[in-house]
Amino acid sequence: MNHSAFFQRDFQSIQKTTPGMNHPHSRSYFNFSSRIHLLQDRIDSSVQWTYHNVLPIFYPRHCPLCDHILPYGTIICPDCKKLLPFVREPVCYCCGKPINRPEQEYCFDCRMFRKSFQRGLALFLYDEKIHLSMMAFKYGNRRMLAQFFAHSAYQCHRDILRGWHIDAVATAPIHNNKRKKRGYNQAALLAKELAALLNLPCYPDLLLRIVDTLPQKQFSPQARLNNLQNVFRINPRYGNVISSHPHILLIDDIYTTGATMEICSRILLDSGIQKVYVYSICIGISRD
């Protein structure tokens, strides 16, 4: 398919069906603007299709665990797939962190610090098997691992995620300093992939991180919450998203104490979102 010709033809149809498109104060201008966004979505879909289906022909995927080159169309070695540390029941009813007994219902952190989000899920235990893959994804420019993580999440939890009646997908943001250094926001890559599989809109910049804080891992759970006060805010350009998408799925790569997800959830709820659900690729083990 000639994508360039397709988009040119689509743009020409917009011009023909949108009179007065060059007059910014007319109603047709806003109609034209919405069509431009639709056209941009089609371009993004075309780029994503190329990224998924054409790029691996020239740059084959590597296994996320053993790093061996994979045959076209696969995302992990059959042997390595058996080693993946999937989260198993019983899990915390709130955040999805593994717990010792079903009778516990909630993990230590959720008992000590009540969460604002509705429910949470996670895909993998954050152990040595997945640690190196996640570090390569976050810091080693292994962006194609987003496909592996998102497809694995979809295969494991699609029924639950659909049962939550999500309206849109958002991400825990990183500061521009980190994004410029890495070249990307790994959580945004995950969110876009998973949103496409769920056929949901994705707004990776719905939340903005306006303060570049110190790394969270050096703080206690309460100190982590304190460290994130006044760090995030709603992107003002998405006021219409708040009113038309009452249920948001918030995506992040790693969940430890849940401080980042909690602060982001509070901001979304304060802005008018009715329910926030959270999903993490990796999660730690409960402290009790």
C-alpha atoms as a PDB file:
ATOM      1  CA  MET A   1       0.000   0.000   0.000  1.00  0.00           C
ATOM      2  CA  ASN A   2       1.309   3.466  -0.924  1.00  0.00           C
ATOM      3  CA  HIS A   3       0.804   5.312   2.372  1.00  0.00           C
ATOM      4  CA  SER A   4       1.969   8.648   0.966  1.00  0.00           C
ATOM      5  CA  ALA A   5      -0.660   8.554  -1.780  1.00  0.00           C
ATOM      6  CA  PHE A   6      -3.291   7.489   0.739  1.00  0.00           C
ATOM      7  CA  PHE A   7      -2.641  10.460   3.014  1.00  0.00           C
ATOM      8  CA  GLN A   8      -2.466  12.880   0.083  1.00  0.00           C
ATOM      9  CA  ARG A   9      -5.840  11.649  -1.160  1.00  0.00           C
ATOM     10  CA  ASP A  10      -7.305  11.911   2.337  1.00  0.00           C
ATOM     11  CA  PHE A  11      -6.007  15.451   2.767  1.00  0.00           C
ATOM     12  CA  GLN A  12      -7.478  16.463  -0.587  1.00  0.00           C
ATOM     13  CA  SER A  13     -10.851  15.093   0.495  1.00  0.00           C
ATOM     14  CA  ILE A  14     -10.633  17.246   3.611  1.00  0.00           C
ATOM     15  CA  GLN A  15      -9.985  20.314   1.498  1.00  0.00           C
ATOM     16  CA  LYS A  16     -12.975  19.592  -0.749  1.00  0.00           C
ATOM     17  CA  THR A  17     -15.411  18.906   2.079  1.00  0.00           C
ATOM     18  CA  THR A  18     -14.331  21.729   4.391  1.00  0.00           C
ATOM     19  CA  PRO A  19     -15.275  25.133   2.956  1.00  0.00           C
ATOM     20  CA  GLY A  20     -13.606  28.153   4.457  1.00  0.00           C
ATOM     21  CA  MET A  21     -10.849  26.014   5.896  1.00  0.00           C
ATOM     22  CA  ASN A  22      -8.401  28.927   5.768  1.00  0.00           C
ATOM     23  CA  HIS A  23     -10.597  31.143   7.948  1.00  0.00           C
ATOM     24  CA  PRO A  24      -9.639  30.429  11.572  1.00  0.00           C
ATOM     25  CA  HIS A  25     -12.720  32.130  13.016  1.00  0.00           C
ATOM     26  CA  SER A  26     -15.266  30.080  11.120  1.00  0.00           C
ATOM     27  CA  ARG A  27     -16.900  26.884  12.308  1.00  0.00           C
ATOM     28  CA  SER A  28     -15.327  25.057   9.398  1.00  0.00           C
ATOM     29  CA  TYR A  29     -11.927  25.802  10.860  1.00  0.00           C
ATOM     30  CA  PHE A  30     -12.711  23.716  13.927  1.00  0.00           C
ATOM     31  CA  ASN A  31     -14.114  20.973  11.707  1.00  0.00           C
ATOM     32  CA  PHE A  32     -10.911  21.076   9.709  1.00  0.00           C
ATOM     33  CA  SER A  33      -8.846  20.978  12.900  1.00  0.00           C
ATOM     34  CA  SER A  34     -10.618  17.831  14.086  1.00  0.00           C
ATOM     35  CA  ARG A  35     -10.026  16.215  10.706  1.00  0.00           C
ATOM     36  CA  ILE A  36      -6.354  17.071  10.899  1.00  0.00           C
ATOM     37  CA  HIS A  37      -6.218  15.233  14.253  1.00  0.00           C
ATOM     38  CA  LEU A  38      -7.928  12.269  12.592  1.00  0.00           C
ATOM     39  CA  LEU A  39      -5.393  12.357   9.790  1.00  0.00           C
ATOM     40  CA  GLN A  40      -2.581  12.501  12.344  1.00  0.00           C
ATOM     41  CA  ASP A  41      -4.013   9.409  14.034  1.00  0.00           C
ATOM     42  CA  ARG A  42      -3.939   7.610  10.689  1.00  0.00           C
ATOM     43  CA  ILE A  43      -0.327   8.649  10.152  1.00  0.00           C
ATOM     44  CA  ASP A  44       0.559   7.412  13.646  1.00  0.00           C
ATOM     45  CA  SER A  45      -1.169   4.095  12.906  1.00  0.00           C
ATOM     46  CA  SER A  46       0.787   3.763   9.664  1.00  0.00           C
ATOM     47  CA  VAL A  47       4.077   4.464  11.444  1.00  0.00           C
ATOM     48  CA  GLN A  48       3.194   1.956  14.152  1.00  0.00           C
ATOM     49  CA  TRP A  49       2.315  -0.690  11.556  1.00  0.00           C
ATOM     50  CA  THR A  50       5.677  -0.121   9.843  1.00  0.00           C
ATOM     51  CA  TYR A  51       7.464  -0.246  13.196  1.00  0.00           C
ATOM     52  CA  HIS A  52       5.839  -3.563  14.100  1.00  0.00           C
ATOM     53  CA  ASN A  53       5.901  -5.361  10.776  1.00  0.00           C
ATOM     54  CA  VAL A  54       8.608  -3.915   8.538  1.00  0.00           C
ATOM     55  CA  LEU A  55      11.385  -2.815  10.882  1.00  0.00           C
ATOM     56  CA  PRO A  56      11.924  -6.328  12.366  1.00  0.00           C
ATOM     57  CA  ILE A  57      12.717  -7.619   8.867  1.00  0.00           C
ATOM     58  CA  PHE A  58      15.813  -5.421   8.724  1.00  0.00           C
ATOM     59  CA  TYR A  59      16.511  -5.215  12.459  1.00  0.00           C
ATOM     60  CA  PRO A  60      15.429  -8.530  14.008  1.00  0.00           C
ATOM     61  CA  ARG A  61      14.102  -8.556  17.543  1.00  0.00           C
ATOM     62  CA  HIS A  62      16.215  -9.964  20.363  1.00  0.00           C
ATOM     63  CA  CYS A  63      14.867 -12.132  23.148  1.00  0.00           C
ATOM     64  CA  PRO A  64      14.201  -9.951  26.218  1.00  0.00           C
ATOM     65  CA  LEU A  65      15.880 -12.500  28.512  1.00  0.00           C
ATOM     66  CA  CYS A  66      18.740 -14.228  26.657  1.00  0.00           C
ATOM     67  CA  ASP A  67      19.235 -11.529  23.976  1.00  0.00           C
ATOM     68  CA  HIS A  68      19.430 -14.062  21.118  1.00  0.00           C
ATOM     69  CA  ILE A  69      18.113 -12.986  17.725  1.00  0.00           C
ATOM     70  CA  LEU A  70      14.504 -14.095  17.261  1.00  0.00           C
ATOM     71  CA  PRO A  71      12.739 -15.425  14.158  1.00  0.00           C
ATOM     72  CA  TYR A  72      10.407 -12.931  12.487  1.00  0.00           C
ATOM     73  CA  GLY A  73       7.031 -12.723  14.225  1.00  0.00           C
ATOM     74  CA  THR A  74       8.204 -13.849  17.677  1.00  0.00           C
ATOM     75  CA  ILE A  75       8.915 -11.718  20.742  1.00  0.00           C
ATOM     76  CA  ILE A  76      10.604 -14.217  23.111  1.00  0.00           C
ATOM     77  CA  CYS A  77      12.371 -17.588  22.960  1.00  0.00           C
ATOM     78  CA  PRO A  78      10.135 -20.572  23.831  1.00  0.00           C
ATOM     79  CA  ASP A  79      12.605 -21.672  26.523  1.00  0.00           C
ATOM     80  CA  CYS A  80      12.879 -18.186  28.022  1.00  0.00           C
ATOM     81  CA  LYS A  81       9.110 -17.797  28.073  1.00  0.00           C
ATOM     82  CA  LYS A  82       8.974 -20.618  30.617  1.00  0.00           C
ATOM     83  CA  LEU A  83      11.228 -18.578  32.922  1.00  0.00           C
ATOM     84  CA  LEU A  84       9.117 -15.415  32.978  1.00  0.00           C
ATOM     85  CA  PRO A  85       8.215 -14.480  36.590  1.00  0.00           C
ATOM     86  CA  PHE A  86       4.497 -13.846  36.119  1.00  0.00           C
ATOM     87  CA  VAL A  87       2.623 -12.527  39.141  1.00  0.00           C
ATOM     88  CA  ARG A  88       0.477 -15.303  40.604  1.00  0.00           C
ATOM     89  CA  GLU A  89      -2.427 -15.339  42.998  1.00  0.00           C
ATOM     90  CA  PRO A  90      -2.931 -14.447  45.784  1.00  0.00           C
ATOM     91  CA  VAL A  91      -2.376 -10.733  45.180  1.00  0.00           C
ATOM     92  CA  CYS A  92      -3.287  -7.539  46.997  1.00  0.00           C
ATOM     93  CA  TYR A  93      -6.860  -6.569  46.231  1.00  0.00           C
ATOM     94  CA  CYS A  94      -5.786  -2.951  45.769  1.00  0.00           C
ATOM     95  CA  CYS A  95      -2.416  -2.758  43.962  1.00  0.00           C
ATOM     96  CA  GLY A  96      -1.965  -6.318  42.673  1.00  0.00           C
ATOM     97  CA  LYS A  97       1.226  -7.002  44.646  1.00  0.00           C
ATOM     98  CA  PRO A  98       1.727 -10.694  45.602  1.00  0.00           C
ATOM     99  CA  ILE A  99       0.790 -11.508  49.202  1.00  0.00           C
ATOM    100  CA  ASN A 100       1.379 -14.586  51.346  1.00  0.00           C
ATOM    101  CA  ARG A 101      -2.214 -15.635  52.027  1.00  0.00           C
ATOM    102  CA  PRO A 102      -5.582 -14.824  50.430  1.00  0.00           C
ATOM    103  CA  GLU A 103      -6.913 -13.909  53.875  1.00  0.00           C
ATOM    104  CA  GLN A 104      -4.571 -10.915  53.963  1.00  0.00           C
ATOM    105  CA  GLU A 105      -6.509  -9.225  51.138  1.00  0.00           C
ATOM    106  CA  TYR A 106      -4.152  -6.222  51.157  1.00  0.00           C
ATOM    107  CA  CYS A 107      -0.372  -5.910  51.128  1.00  0.00           C
ATOM    108  CA  PHE A 108       1.563  -4.088  53.846  1.00  0.00           C
ATOM    109  CA  ASP A 109       1.871  -0.832  51.883  1.00  0.00           C
ATOM    110  CA  CYS A 110      -1.838  -0.688  51.017  1.00  0.00           C
ATOM    111  CA  ARG A 111      -2.766  -1.375  54.636  1.00  0.00           C
ATOM    112  CA  MET A 112      -0.432   1.322  55.912  1.00  0.00           C
ATOM    113  CA  PHE A 113      -1.053   3.890  53.175  1.00  0.00           C
ATOM    114  CA  ARG A 114      -4.536   3.809  51.709  1.00  0.00           C
ATOM    115  CA  LYS A 115      -4.544   4.249  47.931  1.00  0.00           C
ATOM    116  CA  SER A 116      -6.751   6.564  45.884  1.00  0.00           C
ATOM    117  CA  PHE A 117      -6.857   4.437  42.744  1.00  0.00           C
ATOM    118  CA  GLN A 118      -9.588   1.860  42.224  1.00  0.00           C
ATOM    119  CA  ARG A 119      -7.607  -1.289  41.470  1.00  0.00           C
ATOM    120  CA  GLY A 120      -4.149  -2.273  40.302  1.00  0.00           C
ATOM    121  CA  LEU A 121      -2.528  -5.100  38.369  1.00  0.00           C
ATOM    122  CA  ALA A 122       1.031  -6.084  37.532  1.00  0.00           C
ATOM    123  CA  LEU A 123       2.551  -8.490  35.041  1.00  0.00           C
ATOM    124  CA  PHE A 124       5.918  -9.657  36.409  1.00  0.00           C
ATOM    125  CA  LEU A 125       7.650  -9.963  39.742  1.00  0.00           C
ATOM    126  CA  TYR A 126      10.608  -7.629  39.701  1.00  0.00           C
ATOM    127  CA  ASP A 127      13.297 -10.281  40.115  1.00  0.00           C
ATOM    128  CA  GLU A 128      16.682 -10.897  38.503  1.00  0.00           C
ATOM    129  CA  LYS A 129      15.129 -12.593  35.471  1.00  0.00           C
ATOM    130  CA  ILE A 130      13.299  -9.465  34.390  1.00  0.00           C
ATOM    131  CA  HIS A 131      15.537  -6.807  35.964  1.00  0.00           C
ATOM    132  CA  LEU A 132      18.094  -6.737  33.159  1.00  0.00           C
ATOM    133  CA  SER A 133      15.373  -6.540  30.510  1.00  0.00           C
ATOM    134  CA  MET A 134      13.713  -3.632  32.263  1.00  0.00           C
ATOM    135  CA  MET A 135      17.017  -1.789  32.667  1.00  0.00           C
ATOM    136  CA  ALA A 136      17.771  -2.288  28.959  1.00  0.00           C
ATOM    137  CA  PHE A 137      14.288  -0.966  28.158  1.00  0.00           C
ATOM    138  CA  LYS A 138      14.581   2.088  30.408  1.00  0.00           C
ATOM    139  CA  TYR A 139      18.215   3.067  29.944  1.00  0.00           C
ATOM    140  CA  GLY A 140      19.613   1.035  27.033  1.00  0.00           C
ATOM    141  CA  ASN A 141      17.425   2.338  24.178  1.00  0.00           C
ATOM    142  CA  ARG A 142      15.783  -1.087  23.728  1.00  0.00           C
ATOM    143  CA  ARG A 143      12.492   0.536  22.780  1.00  0.00           C
ATOM    144  CA  MET A 144      11.176  -2.500  20.923  1.00  0.00           C
ATOM    145  CA  LEU A 145      10.845  -4.258  24.283  1.00  0.00           C
ATOM    146  CA  ALA A 146       7.694  -2.182  24.739  1.00  0.00           C
ATOM    147  CA  GLN A 147       6.023  -4.551  22.277  1.00  0.00           C
ATOM    148  CA  PHE A 148       7.022  -7.598  24.313  1.00  0.00           C
ATOM    149  CA  PHE A 149       5.845  -6.101  27.607  1.00  0.00           C
ATOM    150  CA  ALA A 150       2.568  -4.760  26.199  1.00  0.00           C
ATOM    151  CA  HIS A 151       1.678  -7.949  24.301  1.00  0.00           C
ATOM    152  CA  SER A 152       2.438 -10.046  27.390  1.00  0.00           C
ATOM    153  CA  ALA A 153       0.233  -7.756  29.503  1.00  0.00           C
ATOM    154  CA  TYR A 154      -2.572  -7.973  26.964  1.00  0.00           C
ATOM    155  CA  GLN A 155      -2.419 -11.759  26.760  1.00  0.00           C
ATOM    156  CA  CYS A 156      -2.465 -12.103  30.548  1.00  0.00           C
ATOM    157  CA  HIS A 157      -4.962  -9.474  31.625  1.00  0.00           C
ATOM    158  CA  ARG A 158      -7.072  -8.333  28.684  1.00  0.00           C
ATOM    159  CA  ASP A 159     -10.315  -9.705  30.147  1.00  0.00           C
ATOM    160  CA  ILE A 160      -9.771  -7.930  33.471  1.00  0.00           C
ATOM    161  CA  LEU A 161      -8.705  -4.691  31.783  1.00  0.00           C
ATOM    162  CA  ARG A 162     -11.761  -4.716  29.537  1.00  0.00           C
ATOM    163  CA  GLY A 163     -13.945  -5.453  32.545  1.00  0.00           C
ATOM    164  CA  TRP A 164     -12.769  -2.216  34.133  1.00  0.00           C
ATOM    165  CA  HIS A 165     -14.488  -0.271  31.300  1.00  0.00           C
ATOM    166  CA  ILE A 166     -11.497   1.976  30.696  1.00  0.00           C
ATOM    167  CA  ASP A 167     -12.072   5.079  28.552  1.00  0.00           C
ATOM    168  CA  ALA A 168      -8.457   6.074  27.907  1.00  0.00           C
ATOM    169  CA  VAL A 169      -4.852   5.269  28.802  1.00  0.00           C
ATOM    170  CA  ALA A 170      -2.377   7.670  30.426  1.00  0.00           C
ATOM    171  CA  THR A 171       1.128   7.320  31.832  1.00  0.00           C
ATOM    172  CA  ALA A 172       3.190   8.257  34.827  1.00  0.00           C
ATOM    173  CA  PRO A 173       5.305  11.049  33.313  1.00  0.00           C
ATOM    174  CA  ILE A 174       9.031  11.680  33.533  1.00  0.00           C
ATOM    175  CA  HIS A 175      10.638  15.107  33.602  1.00  0.00           C
ATOM    176  CA  ASN A 176      11.855  16.634  30.352  1.00  0.00           C
ATOM    177  CA  ASN A 177      15.450  16.423  31.586  1.00  0.00           C
ATOM    178  CA  LYS A 178      15.228  12.638  31.842  1.00  0.00           C
ATOM    179  CA  ARG A 179      13.311  12.340  28.587  1.00  0.00           C
ATOM    180  CA  LYS A 180      15.949  14.349  26.727  1.00  0.00           C
ATOM    181  CA  LYS A 181      18.715  12.248  28.252  1.00  0.00           C
ATOM    182  CA  ARG A 182      17.046   8.913  27.397  1.00  0.00           C
ATOM    183  CA  GLY A 183      15.356  10.091  24.223  1.00  0.00           C
ATOM    184  CA  TYR A 184      11.958   8.692  25.256  1.00  0.00           C
ATOM    185  CA  ASN A 185       9.587   7.959  28.120  1.00  0.00           C
ATOM    186  CA  GLN A 186       9.462   4.188  28.532  1.00  0.00           C
ATOM    187  CA  ALA A 187       6.040   4.325  30.229  1.00  0.00           C
ATOM    188  CA  ALA A 188       4.643   6.240  27.246  1.00  0.00           C
ATOM    189  CA  LEU A 189       5.891   3.546  24.858  1.00  0.00           C
ATOM    190  CA  LEU A 190       4.179   0.902  26.982  1.00  0.00           C
ATOM    191  CA  ALA A 191       0.957   2.882  27.167  1.00  0.00           C
ATOM    192  CA  LYS A 192       0.771   3.422  23.406  1.00  0.00           C
ATOM    193  CA  GLU A 193       1.321  -0.263  22.684  1.00  0.00           C
ATOM    194  CA  LEU A 194      -1.212  -1.477  25.244  1.00  0.00           C
ATOM    195  CA  ALA A 195      -3.784   1.164  24.272  1.00  0.00           C
ATOM    196  CA  ALA A 196      -3.553   0.055  20.635  1.00  0.00           C
ATOM    197  CA  LEU A 197      -4.172  -3.565  21.643  1.00  0.00           C
ATOM    198  CA  LEU A 198      -7.163  -2.524  23.773  1.00  0.00           C
ATOM    199  CA  ASN A 199      -8.427  -0.186  21.027  1.00  0.00           C
ATOM    200  CA  LEU A 200      -8.378   2.779  23.408  1.00  0.00           C
ATOM    201  CA  PRO A 201      -7.128   6.353  23.009  1.00  0.00           C
ATOM    202  CA  CYS A 202      -3.789   7.100  24.651  1.00  0.00           C
ATOM    203  CA  TYR A 203      -2.755  10.422  26.189  1.00  0.00           C
ATOM    204  CA  PRO A 204       0.879  10.008  27.275  1.00  0.00           C
ATOM    205  CA  ASP A 205       1.158  13.698  28.207  1.00  0.00           C
ATOM    206  CA  LEU A 206      -2.132  14.001  30.090  1.00  0.00           C
ATOM    207  CA  LEU A 207       0.014  14.366  33.212  1.00  0.00           C
ATOM    208  CA  LEU A 208       3.121  16.551  33.264  1.00  0.00           C
ATOM    209  CA  ARG A 209       6.098  16.265  35.602  1.00  0.00           C
ATOM    210  CA  ILE A 210       7.144  19.835  36.335  1.00  0.00           C
ATOM    211  CA  VAL A 211       9.842  19.129  38.970  1.00  0.00           C
ATOM    212  CA  ASP A 212      12.867  16.909  38.432  1.00  0.00           C
ATOM    213  CA  THR A 213      13.097  15.088  41.766  1.00  0.00           C
ATOM    214  CA  LEU A 214      15.778  12.915  43.302  1.00  0.00           C
ATOM    215  CA  PRO A 215      15.526   9.144  42.612  1.00  0.00           C
ATOM    216  CA  GLN A 216      12.758   7.550  44.669  1.00  0.00           C
ATOM    217  CA  LYS A 217      14.659   4.378  45.589  1.00  0.00           C
ATOM    218  CA  GLN A 218      16.663   6.150  48.307  1.00  0.00           C
ATOM    219  CA  PHE A 219      13.549   7.140  50.300  1.00  0.00           C
ATOM    220  CA  SER A 220      11.196   5.403  52.733  1.00  0.00           C
ATOM    221  CA  PRO A 221       7.535   4.947  51.633  1.00  0.00           C
ATOM    222  CA  GLN A 222       6.305   8.100  53.380  1.00  0.00           C
ATOM    223  CA  ALA A 223       9.333  10.069  52.214  1.00  0.00           C
ATOM    224  CA  ARG A 224       8.582   8.994  48.645  1.00  0.00           C
ATOM    225  CA  LEU A 225       5.116  10.517  48.888  1.00  0.00           C
ATOM    226  CA  ASN A 226       6.583  13.694  50.377  1.00  0.00           C
ATOM    227  CA  ASN A 227       9.198  13.832  47.622  1.00  0.00           C
ATOM    228  CA  LEU A 228       6.442  13.868  44.988  1.00  0.00           C
ATOM    229  CA  GLN A 229       4.303  16.674  46.402  1.00  0.00           C
ATOM    230  CA  ASN A 230       3.712  19.428  43.808  1.00  0.00           C
ATOM    231  CA  VAL A 231       5.688  17.474  41.197  1.00  0.00           C
ATOM    232  CA  PHE A 232       2.875  16.659  38.739  1.00  0.00           C
ATOM    233  CA  ARG A 233       0.030  18.588  37.167  1.00  0.00           C
ATOM    234  CA  ILE A 234      -2.658  18.072  34.541  1.00  0.00           C
ATOM    235  CA  ASN A 235      -1.778  19.189  31.031  1.00  0.00           C
ATOM    236  CA  PRO A 236      -4.167  22.129  30.421  1.00  0.00           C
ATOM    237  CA  ARG A 237      -4.654  21.226  26.757  1.00  0.00           C
ATOM    238  CA  TYR A 238      -6.628  18.115  27.762  1.00  0.00           C
ATOM    239  CA  GLY A 239      -9.602  19.655  29.529  1.00  0.00           C
ATOM    240  CA  ASN A 240     -11.965  17.918  27.113  1.00  0.00           C
ATOM    241  CA  VAL A 241     -10.353  14.547  27.862  1.00  0.00           C
ATOM    242  CA  ILE A 242     -11.194  14.895  31.544  1.00  0.00           C
ATOM    243  CA  SER A 243     -14.884  15.446  30.840  1.00  0.00           C
ATOM    244  CA  SER A 244     -15.255  12.762  28.173  1.00  0.00           C
ATOM    245  CA  HIS A 245     -13.045   9.993  29.637  1.00  0.00           C
ATOM    246  CA  PRO A 246     -14.114   9.398  33.262  1.00  0.00           C
ATOM    247  CA  HIS A 247     -12.211   6.097  33.695  1.00  0.00           C
ATOM    248  CA  ILE A 248      -8.434   6.246  33.167  1.00  0.00           C
ATOM    249  CA  LEU A 249      -5.882   3.430  33.080  1.00  0.00           C
ATOM    250  CA  LEU A 250      -2.527   4.698  34.371  1.00  0.00           C
ATOM    251  CA  ILE A 251       0.573   2.849  33.131  1.00  0.00           C
ATOM    252  CA  ASP A 252       4.053   2.676  34.657  1.00  0.00           C
ATOM    253  CA  ASP A 253       6.986   0.335  34.269  1.00  0.00           C
ATOM    254  CA  ILE A 254       7.858  -0.521  37.893  1.00  0.00           C
ATOM    255  CA  TYR A 255       5.679  -0.431  41.028  1.00  0.00           C
ATOM    256  CA  THR A 256       7.412  -0.544  44.414  1.00  0.00           C
ATOM    257  CA  THR A 257       5.585   1.311  47.193  1.00  0.00           C
ATOM    258  CA  GLY A 258       3.117   2.903  44.751  1.00  0.00           C
ATOM    259  CA  ALA A 259       3.990   6.511  45.630  1.00  0.00           C
ATOM    260  CA  THR A 260       4.146   7.705  42.013  1.00  0.00           C
ATOM    261  CA  MET A 261       0.895   5.996  41.042  1.00  0.00           C
ATOM    262  CA  GLU A 262      -0.799   7.340  44.163  1.00  0.00           C
ATOM    263  CA  ILE A 263       0.166  10.975  43.597  1.00  0.00           C
ATOM    264  CA  CYS A 264      -0.764  10.770  39.911  1.00  0.00           C
ATOM    265  CA  SER A 265      -4.104   9.192  40.814  1.00  0.00           C
ATOM    266  CA  ARG A 266      -4.894  11.960  43.288  1.00  0.00           C
ATOM    267  CA  ILE A 267      -4.222  14.625  40.669  1.00  0.00           C
ATOM    268  CA  LEU A 268      -6.399  12.859  38.094  1.00  0.00           C
ATOM    269  CA  LEU A 269      -9.244  12.442  40.574  1.00  0.00           C
ATOM    270  CA  ASP A 270      -8.973  16.058  41.725  1.00  0.00           C
ATOM    271  CA  SER A 271      -9.223  17.162  38.089  1.00  0.00           C
ATOM    272  CA  GLY A 272     -12.558  15.395  37.618  1.00  0.00           C
ATOM    273  CA  ILE A 273     -11.661  11.853  36.587  1.00  0.00           C
ATOM    274  CA  GLN A 274     -14.100   9.479  38.281  1.00  0.00           C
ATOM    275  CA  LYS A 275     -11.984   6.321  38.551  1.00  0.00           C
ATOM    276  CA  VAL A 276      -8.290   5.569  38.116  1.00  0.00           C
ATOM    277  CA  TYR A 277      -6.930   2.064  37.549  1.00  0.00           C
ATOM    278  CA  VAL A 278      -3.217   1.331  37.527  1.00  0.00           C
ATOM    279  CA  TYR A 279      -1.129  -1.209  35.635  1.00  0.00           C
ATOM    280  CA  SER A 280       2.571  -1.937  36.101  1.00  0.00           C
ATOM    281  CA  ILE A 281       4.846  -4.213  34.136  1.00  0.00           C
ATOM    282  CA  CYS A 282       6.965  -5.115  37.187  1.00  0.00           C
ATOM    283  CA  ILE A 283       6.109  -5.115  40.866  1.00  0.00           C
ATOM    284  CA  GLY A 284       7.897  -5.939  44.099  1.00  0.00           C
ATOM    285  CA  ILE A 285       6.895  -8.428  46.765  1.00  0.00           C
ATOM    286  CA  SER A 286       4.901  -7.399  49.821  1.00  0.00           C
ATOM    287  CA  ARG A 287       7.014  -6.591  52.869  1.00  0.00           C
ATOM    288  CA  ASP A 288       5.045  -8.953  55.138  1.00  0.00           C
END
